[in-house]
Amino acid sequence: MHKAAIEPSRSRNVVERNPRKAGGSRRSKSTASVRYLVFISHSSRDVWVANAIAERIREQGGDVWMDVHEIAGGDPIYTKVLEALDACDEAIVLLSPFSLNSKWVIFEMGVICGQRKLVTPVLDHIEPAEMPILVGIRGIDLNQLDQELLPELARRIDEKTRG
């Protein structure tokens, strides 16, 4: 499957998981606008916080890929996650006490680090050293998201989509 098939939802309220069933069609590479895709890795127990972060990213002009919005029942999870990680421009990992025990979060961070893409840990009641794969990568406290992460993210989105 090619990267054009990865089209994240623009709104958490309207989710198009399978365009053939919905009667829609995906845009081709030649007609697709330039987008900036952020993959959000999180524990399923942190989905509310991850959704709030996703909304803030959309307000900055970015697109978001989250498993809960992009993977339908019966979909091959492993394949869908790998396709999204290949297609994304960067990743945010929501680190919480719950994500420390998530095999998927660890898997996703291994892939994104192996691809040498930008990954930003967002810390929610946890220290970055508690997730060994991310040691040496500066994390942002969840309470500092607006002051530290979002302005830089907005700049990266602007550089890719407008410049």
Protein backbone atom coordinates (compact mmCIF):
# COMPACT_ATOMS: atom_id res chain seq x y z
CA MET A 1 0.00 0.00 0.00
CA HIS A 2 1.28 3.48 -0.71
CA LYS A 3 1.43 6.52 1.55
CA ALA A 4 -1.50 8.27 -0.11
CA ALA A 5 -3.78 5.69 1.53
CA ILE A 6 -2.96 7.13 4.95
CA GLU A 7 -5.45 9.95 5.33
CA PRO A 8 -6.08 10.89 8.95
CA SER A 9 -9.33 12.23 10.26
CA ARG A 10 -9.61 16.00 10.41
CA SER A 11 -12.10 15.86 13.26
CA ARG A 12 -12.55 13.40 16.07
CA ASN A 13 -16.30 13.65 15.53
CA VAL A 14 -16.24 12.63 11.86
CA VAL A 15 -14.22 9.51 11.18
CA GLU A 16 -14.00 8.00 7.72
CA ARG A 17 -12.37 4.62 8.15
CA ASN A 18 -13.19 2.98 4.84
CA PRO A 19 -13.94 5.30 1.93
CA ARG A 20 -15.35 2.50 -0.22
CA LYS A 21 -18.04 1.78 2.34
CA ALA A 22 -18.78 5.48 2.82
CA GLY A 23 -18.99 6.08 -0.92
CA GLY A 24 -16.01 8.44 -0.91
CA SER A 25 -12.63 8.21 -2.49
CA ARG A 26 -9.14 9.06 -1.35
CA ARG A 27 -7.27 11.88 -3.04
CA SER A 28 -4.47 10.83 -5.34
CA LYS A 29 -0.90 11.97 -4.77
CA SER A 30 -1.14 14.40 -7.66
CA THR A 31 -4.17 16.26 -6.25
CA ALA A 32 -3.43 15.95 -2.53
CA SER A 33 -2.35 19.11 -0.76
CA VAL A 34 0.83 19.12 1.29
CA ARG A 35 0.03 17.95 4.79
CA TYR A 36 1.93 17.60 8.03
CA LEU A 37 1.05 14.33 9.75
CA VAL A 38 1.65 13.77 13.47
CA PHE A 39 1.40 10.23 14.83
CA ILE A 40 0.23 10.12 18.45
CA SER A 41 1.33 7.09 20.42
CA HIS A 42 -0.57 6.52 23.66
CA SER A 43 -2.00 3.90 25.97
CA SER A 44 -5.67 3.15 25.41
CA ARG A 45 -6.21 4.27 29.00
CA ASP A 46 -4.96 7.77 28.04
CA VAL A 47 -7.20 8.26 25.00
CA TRP A 48 -8.97 11.30 26.47
CA VAL A 49 -5.67 13.15 26.96
CA ALA A 50 -4.42 12.00 23.53
CA ASN A 51 -7.61 13.35 21.91
CA ALA A 52 -7.10 16.71 23.62
CA ILE A 53 -3.51 16.86 22.29
CA ALA A 54 -4.77 15.89 18.82
CA GLU A 55 -7.27 18.73 18.86
CA ARG A 56 -4.51 21.21 19.73
CA ILE A 57 -2.39 19.88 16.85
CA ARG A 58 -5.30 20.31 14.42
CA GLU A 59 -5.70 23.90 15.64
CA GLN A 60 -2.07 24.46 14.55
CA GLY A 61 -2.90 23.16 11.04
CA GLY A 62 -1.53 19.63 11.40
CA ASP A 63 -3.18 16.31 10.67
CA VAL A 64 -3.24 13.61 13.31
CA TRP A 65 -3.11 9.83 13.16
CA MET A 66 -4.44 7.99 16.21
CA ASP A 67 -5.29 4.31 16.26
CA VAL A 68 -8.72 4.82 17.82
CA HIS A 69 -9.82 6.97 14.86
CA GLU A 70 -8.03 5.17 12.05
CA ILE A 71 -8.29 1.43 12.75
CA ALA A 72 -11.66 -0.23 12.28
CA GLY A 73 -12.73 -3.61 13.55
CA GLY A 74 -11.11 -6.36 11.52
CA ASP A 75 -8.29 -4.13 10.25
CA PRO A 76 -4.75 -5.53 10.46
CA ILE A 77 -3.43 -3.41 13.34
CA TYR A 78 0.27 -4.10 12.79
CA THR A 79 0.07 -3.14 9.10
CA LYS A 80 -2.01 -0.01 9.73
CA VAL A 81 0.37 1.21 12.44
CA LEU A 82 3.46 0.62 10.26
CA GLU A 83 1.85 2.45 7.31
CA ALA A 84 1.02 5.41 9.54
CA LEU A 85 4.51 5.51 11.03
CA ASP A 86 6.00 5.47 7.52
CA ALA A 87 3.70 8.29 6.41
CA CYS A 88 4.04 10.58 9.44
CA ASP A 89 6.29 13.62 9.62
CA GLU A 90 6.84 13.25 13.36
CA ALA A 91 5.47 11.49 16.41
CA ILE A 92 4.33 12.45 19.85
CA VAL A 93 4.38 9.80 22.54
CA LEU A 94 2.16 10.41 25.53
CA LEU A 95 4.12 8.97 28.43
CA SER A 96 2.08 8.11 31.47
CA PRO A 97 2.15 5.36 34.08
CA PHE A 98 -0.18 3.43 31.74
CA SER A 99 2.03 3.73 28.64
CA LEU A 100 4.99 2.16 30.46
CA ASN A 101 3.16 -1.17 30.27
CA SER A 102 1.88 -0.78 26.71
CA LYS A 103 3.60 -3.09 24.24
CA TRP A 104 2.19 -1.00 21.38
CA VAL A 105 3.69 2.26 22.68
CA ILE A 106 7.09 0.59 23.02
CA PHE A 107 6.76 -0.93 19.54
CA GLU A 108 5.71 2.38 17.96
CA MET A 109 8.57 4.28 19.58
CA GLY A 110 11.06 1.65 18.43
CA VAL A 111 9.86 2.03 14.85
CA ILE A 112 9.84 5.84 14.89
CA CYS A 113 13.29 6.02 16.50
CA GLY A 114 14.57 3.49 13.95
CA GLN A 115 13.28 5.75 11.17
CA ARG A 116 15.15 8.67 12.78
CA LYS A 117 12.07 10.87 12.71
CA LEU A 118 11.39 13.54 15.28
CA VAL A 119 9.68 12.15 18.38
CA THR A 120 8.56 14.30 21.29
CA PRO A 121 7.71 12.64 24.59
CA VAL A 122 4.84 14.40 26.37
CA LEU A 123 5.17 13.60 30.04
CA ASP A 124 2.06 12.96 32.13
CA HIS A 125 3.12 12.08 35.69
CA ILE A 126 6.26 10.32 34.51
CA GLU A 127 9.96 10.97 33.94
CA PRO A 128 11.54 10.35 30.50
CA ALA A 129 14.10 7.96 32.01
CA GLU A 130 11.25 5.58 32.82
CA MET A 131 10.92 4.78 29.08
CA PRO A 132 14.43 3.52 28.20
CA ILE A 133 14.08 3.87 24.42
CA LEU A 134 13.56 7.62 24.83
CA VAL A 135 16.47 8.32 27.18
CA GLY A 136 18.37 11.30 25.78
CA ILE A 137 15.33 12.81 24.07
CA ARG A 138 13.98 15.94 25.74
CA GLY A 139 10.43 15.51 26.94
CA ILE A 140 7.78 18.19 27.37
CA ASP A 141 5.62 18.23 30.49
CA LEU A 142 1.94 17.96 29.57
CA ASN A 143 1.30 21.20 31.46
CA GLN A 144 3.80 23.01 29.18
CA LEU A 145 2.31 21.80 25.88
CA ASP A 146 1.06 25.24 24.83
CA GLN A 147 4.27 27.04 25.76
CA GLU A 148 6.87 24.56 24.55
CA LEU A 149 5.61 22.04 22.00
CA LEU A 150 2.84 23.76 20.06
CA PRO A 151 4.78 26.88 18.94
CA GLU A 152 7.58 24.71 17.52
CA LEU A 153 5.11 22.32 15.95
CA ALA A 154 3.26 25.23 14.33
CA ARG A 155 6.56 26.41 12.84
CA ARG A 156 7.31 22.96 11.38
CA ILE A 157 3.80 22.65 9.98
CA ASP A 158 4.08 26.10 8.40
CA GLU A 159 7.48 25.32 6.87
CA LYS A 160 6.20 22.17 5.18
CA THR A 161 2.72 23.26 4.14
CA ARG A 162 3.27 26.86 3.15
CA GLY A 163 6.94 27.12 2.38
